[in-house]
């Protein structure tokens, strides 16, 4: 890895955006490495939860603008008449499909793709005073990274539209009031400590297959047309999980008043609770 750090400790993977001299500004290399990191995370049963944070005094200052006015001119990427894919969107979709819960520890400025990449993460924590901005309209472009799907679902359409239309930068306290972040902490170290404590609570106490299925159920049902879709999926999941070794262990350990030791592993495969589901294709 050239532009991120990948560290697994006691069931928690910490991914650190690692271009501190550029406030961890986003590049195509960073994008590719993030996708590789989430591929590795899903394949590793020792990873129970993922934290994403930044090196130095920033989380991610957005796209690296070193190329100047041509930064967002994608014609060189185009093949024939096909529209080039948005790199931030590919990362958001990969995080959306993660089999492990993902926590954003926003330790400093998070602007543009630096904040939109956190939207498919499950929980966001921020340092007090962190500057956050969906600044796209002030750069002559538009929101990316699938943020028009994620952001209104997190904070509501009115707040999302205000931030997008104005492109203004706001602080972590406003993000907290709007529900964009779960909590605000006094220092970068405190943000990472709180994120690690949350990740540890998951890693130490829960069945990994159940967490993976729960994450799929919650995210995919955001787009469901009727609660019956959730009822079908939940019924399949409960039928499968109810006869698992994990369920037997979960109940037995509770009755015996001892910590559970769940035997099932994500790498062995998840039950199909969404028969016929296919990832939509980009075209």
Protein backbone atom coordinates (compact mmCIF):
# COMPACT_ATOMS: atom_id res chain seq x y z
CA UNK A 1 0.00 0.00 0.00
CA UNK A 2 1.36 3.43 -0.97
CA UNK A 3 -1.32 5.82 0.29
CA UNK A 4 -3.13 3.96 3.07
CA UNK A 5 -2.08 2.00 6.14
CA UNK A 6 -3.70 -1.36 6.97
CA UNK A 7 -3.43 -2.61 10.54
CA UNK A 8 -5.35 -5.44 12.23
CA UNK A 9 -5.28 -5.70 16.02
CA UNK A 10 -7.52 -7.87 18.21
CA UNK A 11 -10.23 -8.18 15.59
CA UNK A 12 -10.28 -4.51 14.58
CA UNK A 13 -8.90 -3.32 11.24
CA UNK A 14 -7.79 0.30 11.15
CA UNK A 15 -7.42 1.79 7.67
CA UNK A 16 -5.54 5.08 7.74
CA UNK A 17 -5.54 7.46 4.78
CA UNK A 18 -1.84 8.22 4.62
CA UNK A 19 -0.94 11.38 2.71
CA UNK A 20 -0.56 13.70 5.70
CA UNK A 21 1.48 16.26 3.77
CA UNK A 22 -1.59 16.78 1.52
CA UNK A 23 -4.21 16.45 4.27
CA UNK A 24 -4.80 12.97 2.85
CA UNK A 25 -6.20 14.37 -0.39
CA UNK A 26 -7.83 11.69 -2.48
CA UNK A 27 -6.14 10.19 -5.57
CA UNK A 28 -6.97 7.29 -7.89
CA UNK A 29 -4.21 5.29 -6.17
CA UNK A 30 -5.86 5.83 -2.78
CA UNK A 31 -9.18 4.78 -4.28
CA UNK A 32 -7.78 1.52 -5.64
CA UNK A 33 -6.06 0.76 -2.36
CA UNK A 34 -9.24 1.37 -0.36
CA UNK A 35 -11.12 -1.12 -2.53
CA UNK A 36 -8.30 -3.64 -2.08
CA UNK A 37 -8.40 -3.07 1.68
CA UNK A 38 -12.12 -3.82 1.89
CA UNK A 39 -11.65 -6.90 -0.27
CA UNK A 40 -8.99 -8.09 2.17
CA UNK A 41 -11.16 -7.23 5.16
CA UNK A 42 -14.09 -9.30 3.90
CA UNK A 43 -11.82 -12.28 3.29
CA UNK A 44 -10.22 -12.18 6.75
CA UNK A 45 -12.21 -13.78 9.59
CA UNK A 46 -9.86 -12.11 12.07
CA UNK A 47 -11.38 -8.75 11.09
CA UNK A 48 -14.60 -8.15 12.98
CA UNK A 49 -14.97 -4.38 12.50
CA UNK A 50 -13.27 -1.68 10.42
CA UNK A 51 -12.22 1.86 11.38
CA UNK A 52 -11.27 4.41 8.72
CA UNK A 53 -9.30 7.47 9.84
CA UNK A 54 -6.64 9.87 8.56
CA UNK A 55 -2.95 10.40 9.26
CA UNK A 56 -1.81 13.73 10.66
CA UNK A 57 -4.18 16.63 11.22
CA UNK A 58 -6.78 15.81 8.58
CA UNK A 59 -9.20 13.08 7.60
CA UNK A 60 -9.38 13.83 3.86
CA UNK A 61 -9.30 17.25 2.20
CA UNK A 62 -11.15 15.99 -0.86
CA UNK A 63 -9.79 15.34 -4.33
CA UNK A 64 -6.17 16.24 -4.92
CA UNK A 65 -6.34 19.40 -7.06
CA UNK A 66 -2.71 19.30 -8.19
CA UNK A 67 -3.81 19.02 -11.84
CA UNK A 68 -5.52 22.40 -11.60
CA UNK A 69 -8.50 23.20 -13.80
CA UNK A 70 -8.39 19.85 -15.56
CA UNK A 71 -8.75 17.88 -12.29
CA UNK A 72 -12.31 16.78 -13.04
CA UNK A 73 -12.00 16.48 -16.83
CA UNK A 74 -12.44 12.74 -17.33
CA UNK A 75 -12.28 12.61 -21.13
CA UNK A 76 -8.91 10.87 -20.99
CA UNK A 77 -10.57 8.04 -19.06
CA UNK A 78 -13.37 7.56 -21.59
CA UNK A 79 -13.46 4.40 -23.68
CA UNK A 80 -15.47 4.74 -26.88
CA UNK A 81 -18.78 6.38 -25.97
CA UNK A 82 -19.07 5.00 -22.44
CA UNK A 83 -19.32 7.35 -19.47
CA UNK A 84 -16.28 6.92 -17.21
CA UNK A 85 -17.12 5.65 -13.74
CA UNK A 86 -16.83 7.98 -10.77
CA UNK A 87 -13.97 6.72 -8.59
CA UNK A 88 -15.57 7.87 -5.36
CA UNK A 89 -18.73 6.02 -6.30
CA UNK A 90 -16.83 2.79 -6.79
CA UNK A 91 -15.43 3.13 -3.26
CA UNK A 92 -18.86 3.94 -1.79
CA UNK A 93 -20.37 0.90 -3.47
CA UNK A 94 -17.56 -1.30 -2.15
CA UNK A 95 -18.08 -0.04 1.39
CA UNK A 96 -21.85 -0.48 0.99
CA UNK A 97 -21.21 -4.17 0.27
CA UNK A 98 -18.80 -4.67 3.17
CA UNK A 99 -19.43 -7.77 5.29
CA UNK A 100 -17.96 -6.03 8.33
CA UNK A 101 -19.33 -2.92 10.08
CA UNK A 102 -17.41 0.26 9.22
CA UNK A 103 -16.75 3.22 11.53
CA UNK A 104 -15.42 6.58 10.34
CA UNK A 105 -13.11 8.31 12.85
CA UNK A 106 -13.07 11.81 11.35
CA UNK A 107 -9.98 13.30 12.97
CA UNK A 108 -9.87 16.57 11.01
CA UNK A 109 -11.11 18.26 7.83
CA UNK A 110 -13.40 16.07 5.68
CA UNK A 111 -14.40 17.83 2.48
CA UNK A 112 -15.78 16.68 -0.88
CA UNK A 113 -15.01 13.01 -1.39
CA UNK A 114 -13.46 13.17 2.08
CA UNK A 115 -16.96 13.27 3.55
CA UNK A 116 -18.98 11.50 0.84
CA UNK A 117 -16.80 8.37 1.20
CA UNK A 118 -17.95 8.14 4.85
CA UNK A 119 -21.67 8.09 4.03
CA UNK A 120 -21.87 4.30 3.36
CA UNK A 121 -19.94 3.72 6.59
CA UNK A 122 -22.19 2.69 9.46
CA UNK A 123 -21.16 5.16 12.16
CA UNK A 124 -19.29 8.46 11.96
CA UNK A 125 -17.45 10.12 14.87
CA UNK A 126 -15.70 13.49 14.57
CA UNK A 127 -13.23 15.68 16.40
CA UNK A 128 -14.55 18.98 17.72
CA UNK A 129 -14.00 21.77 15.22
CA UNK A 130 -13.51 19.46 12.23
CA UNK A 131 -14.45 21.27 9.03
CA UNK A 132 -16.87 19.35 6.82
CA UNK A 133 -18.24 20.37 3.44
CA UNK A 134 -20.12 19.12 0.40
CA UNK A 135 -18.36 21.81 -1.62
CA UNK A 136 -19.06 20.52 -5.14
CA UNK A 137 -21.20 23.43 -6.37
CA UNK A 138 -18.39 25.81 -5.40
CA UNK A 139 -16.01 23.86 -7.66
CA UNK A 140 -18.39 23.78 -10.63
CA UNK A 141 -19.15 20.07 -10.30
CA UNK A 142 -21.81 17.97 -8.55
CA UNK A 143 -22.01 15.62 -5.56
CA UNK A 144 -20.48 12.22 -6.30
CA UNK A 145 -19.72 8.90 -4.58
CA UNK A 146 -23.42 7.94 -4.60
CA UNK A 147 -23.99 10.71 -2.04
CA UNK A 148 -27.36 11.71 -3.51
CA UNK A 149 -28.58 8.26 -2.38
CA UNK A 150 -26.87 8.15 1.01
CA UNK A 151 -26.96 11.73 2.34
CA UNK A 152 -30.76 12.35 2.33
CA UNK A 153 -31.28 8.97 4.01
CA UNK A 154 -28.94 10.03 6.82
CA UNK A 155 -29.93 13.66 7.45
CA UNK A 156 -33.15 14.17 5.45
CA UNK A 157 -33.68 15.85 2.10
CA UNK A 158 -33.93 19.43 3.37
CA UNK A 159 -30.64 19.42 5.26
CA UNK A 160 -28.93 17.51 2.45
CA UNK A 161 -30.12 20.01 -0.13
CA UNK A 162 -29.01 22.99 1.97
CA UNK A 163 -25.48 21.65 2.28
CA UNK A 164 -25.29 20.67 -1.39
CA UNK A 165 -26.82 23.87 -2.77
CA UNK A 166 -24.69 26.23 -0.69
CA UNK A 167 -21.51 24.16 -0.79
CA UNK A 168 -20.57 25.80 2.50
CA UNK A 169 -18.15 24.36 5.01
CA UNK A 170 -19.59 23.66 8.47
CA UNK A 171 -18.24 22.28 11.73
CA UNK A 172 -18.58 18.98 13.54
CA UNK A 173 -21.06 20.43 15.99
CA UNK A 174 -23.51 21.20 13.16
CA UNK A 175 -22.92 17.73 11.78
CA UNK A 176 -23.83 16.30 15.20
CA UNK A 177 -27.04 18.33 15.43
CA UNK A 178 -28.08 17.11 11.98
CA UNK A 179 -27.32 13.46 12.69
CA UNK A 180 -24.45 13.22 10.21
CA UNK A 181 -22.09 12.18 13.01
CA UNK A 182 -22.86 10.11 16.10
CA UNK A 183 -20.61 12.02 18.53
CA UNK A 184 -18.00 14.78 18.74
CA UNK A 185 -14.79 14.41 20.72
CA UNK A 186 -12.23 16.88 22.03
CA UNK A 187 -9.13 15.54 20.28
CA UNK A 188 -8.16 13.28 17.37
CA UNK A 189 -6.87 10.76 19.90
CA UNK A 190 -10.25 10.75 21.67
CA UNK A 191 -12.06 10.20 18.35
CA UNK A 192 -9.95 7.14 17.57
CA UNK A 193 -10.29 5.87 21.14
CA UNK A 194 -14.09 6.11 20.98
CA UNK A 195 -14.18 4.47 17.55
CA UNK A 196 -11.97 1.65 18.81
CA UNK A 197 -14.19 1.13 21.87
CA UNK A 198 -17.23 0.81 19.60
CA UNK A 199 -15.39 -1.59 17.28
CA UNK A 200 -14.25 -3.63 20.29
CA UNK A 201 -17.83 -3.92 21.56
CA UNK A 202 -18.75 -5.49 18.22
CA UNK A 203 -15.68 -7.71 18.00
CA UNK A 204 -15.91 -9.01 21.57
CA UNK A 205 -19.61 -9.71 21.90
CA UNK A 206 -21.33 -10.55 18.63
CA UNK A 207 -21.64 -13.35 16.08
CA UNK A 208 -19.83 -12.25 12.89
CA UNK A 209 -22.29 -13.92 10.50
CA UNK A 210 -25.22 -12.28 12.28
CA UNK A 211 -23.53 -8.88 12.08
CA UNK A 212 -22.87 -9.32 8.35
CA UNK A 213 -26.47 -10.33 7.69
CA UNK A 214 -27.82 -7.55 9.88
CA UNK A 215 -25.79 -5.00 7.95
CA UNK A 216 -27.11 -6.31 4.62
CA UNK A 217 -30.69 -6.28 5.87
CA UNK A 218 -30.55 -2.70 7.13
CA UNK A 219 -28.79 -1.16 4.13
CA UNK A 220 -30.66 -3.03 1.39
CA UNK A 221 -34.05 -2.43 2.94
CA UNK A 222 -33.53 1.34 2.69
CA UNK A 223 -34.55 0.95 -0.95
CA UNK A 224 -37.37 -1.56 -0.42
CA UNK A 225 -40.80 -0.67 -1.77
CA UNK A 226 -42.79 -2.37 1.02
CA UNK A 227 -42.07 -3.84 4.49
CA UNK A 228 -43.08 -7.24 3.11
CA UNK A 229 -39.68 -7.32 1.39
CA UNK A 230 -38.04 -7.01 4.80
CA UNK A 231 -40.39 -9.63 6.28
CA UNK A 232 -39.39 -12.15 3.61
CA UNK A 233 -35.68 -11.52 4.08
CA UNK A 234 -35.91 -11.55 7.88
CA UNK A 235 -37.87 -14.81 7.83
CA UNK A 236 -35.21 -16.49 5.66
CA UNK A 237 -32.44 -15.11 7.87
CA UNK A 238 -34.13 -16.21 11.10
CA UNK A 239 -34.82 -19.69 9.72
CA UNK A 240 -31.18 -20.11 8.74
CA UNK A 241 -29.63 -18.54 11.83
CA UNK A 242 -32.03 -20.20 14.24
CA UNK A 243 -30.65 -23.66 13.42
CA UNK A 244 -27.00 -22.54 13.45
CA UNK A 245 -24.31 -23.39 15.98
CA UNK A 246 -24.10 -19.65 16.71
CA UNK A 247 -27.72 -19.53 17.88
CA UNK A 248 -27.22 -22.53 20.15
CA UNK A 249 -24.09 -20.94 21.59
CA UNK A 250 -25.72 -17.52 21.99
CA UNK A 251 -28.62 -18.89 24.02
CA UNK A 252 -26.54 -21.39 26.02
CA UNK A 253 -23.92 -18.80 26.97
CA UNK A 254 -26.65 -16.40 28.09
CA UNK A 255 -28.28 -19.05 30.29
CA UNK A 256 -24.90 -20.07 31.70
CA UNK A 257 -23.98 -16.43 32.30
CA UNK A 258 -20.67 -16.62 30.42
CA UNK A 259 -19.20 -14.90 27.35
CA UNK A 260 -20.22 -16.47 24.06
CA UNK A 261 -17.74 -18.08 21.67
CA UNK A 262 -19.42 -18.06 18.27
CA UNK A 263 -18.07 -20.74 15.89
CA UNK A 264 -19.54 -19.67 12.53
CA UNK A 265 -17.33 -17.67 10.14
CA UNK A 266 -18.18 -15.19 7.41
CA UNK A 267 -15.65 -16.81 5.05
CA UNK A 268 -17.73 -20.00 5.05
CA UNK A 269 -20.49 -18.07 3.27
CA UNK A 270 -23.69 -16.30 4.23
CA UNK A 271 -27.17 -17.76 3.84
CA UNK A 272 -29.00 -16.41 0.80
CA UNK A 273 -31.74 -14.28 2.29
CA UNK A 274 -32.19 -12.24 -0.90
CA UNK A 275 -32.83 -14.90 -3.59
CA UNK A 276 -32.61 -13.45 -7.06
CA UNK A 277 -30.74 -10.34 -5.89
CA UNK A 278 -28.23 -9.07 -8.43
CA UNK A 279 -25.91 -6.13 -8.06
CA UNK A 280 -27.08 -3.52 -10.61
CA UNK A 281 -24.62 -3.04 -13.46
CA UNK A 282 -23.07 0.27 -14.39
CA UNK A 283 -23.98 1.19 -17.94
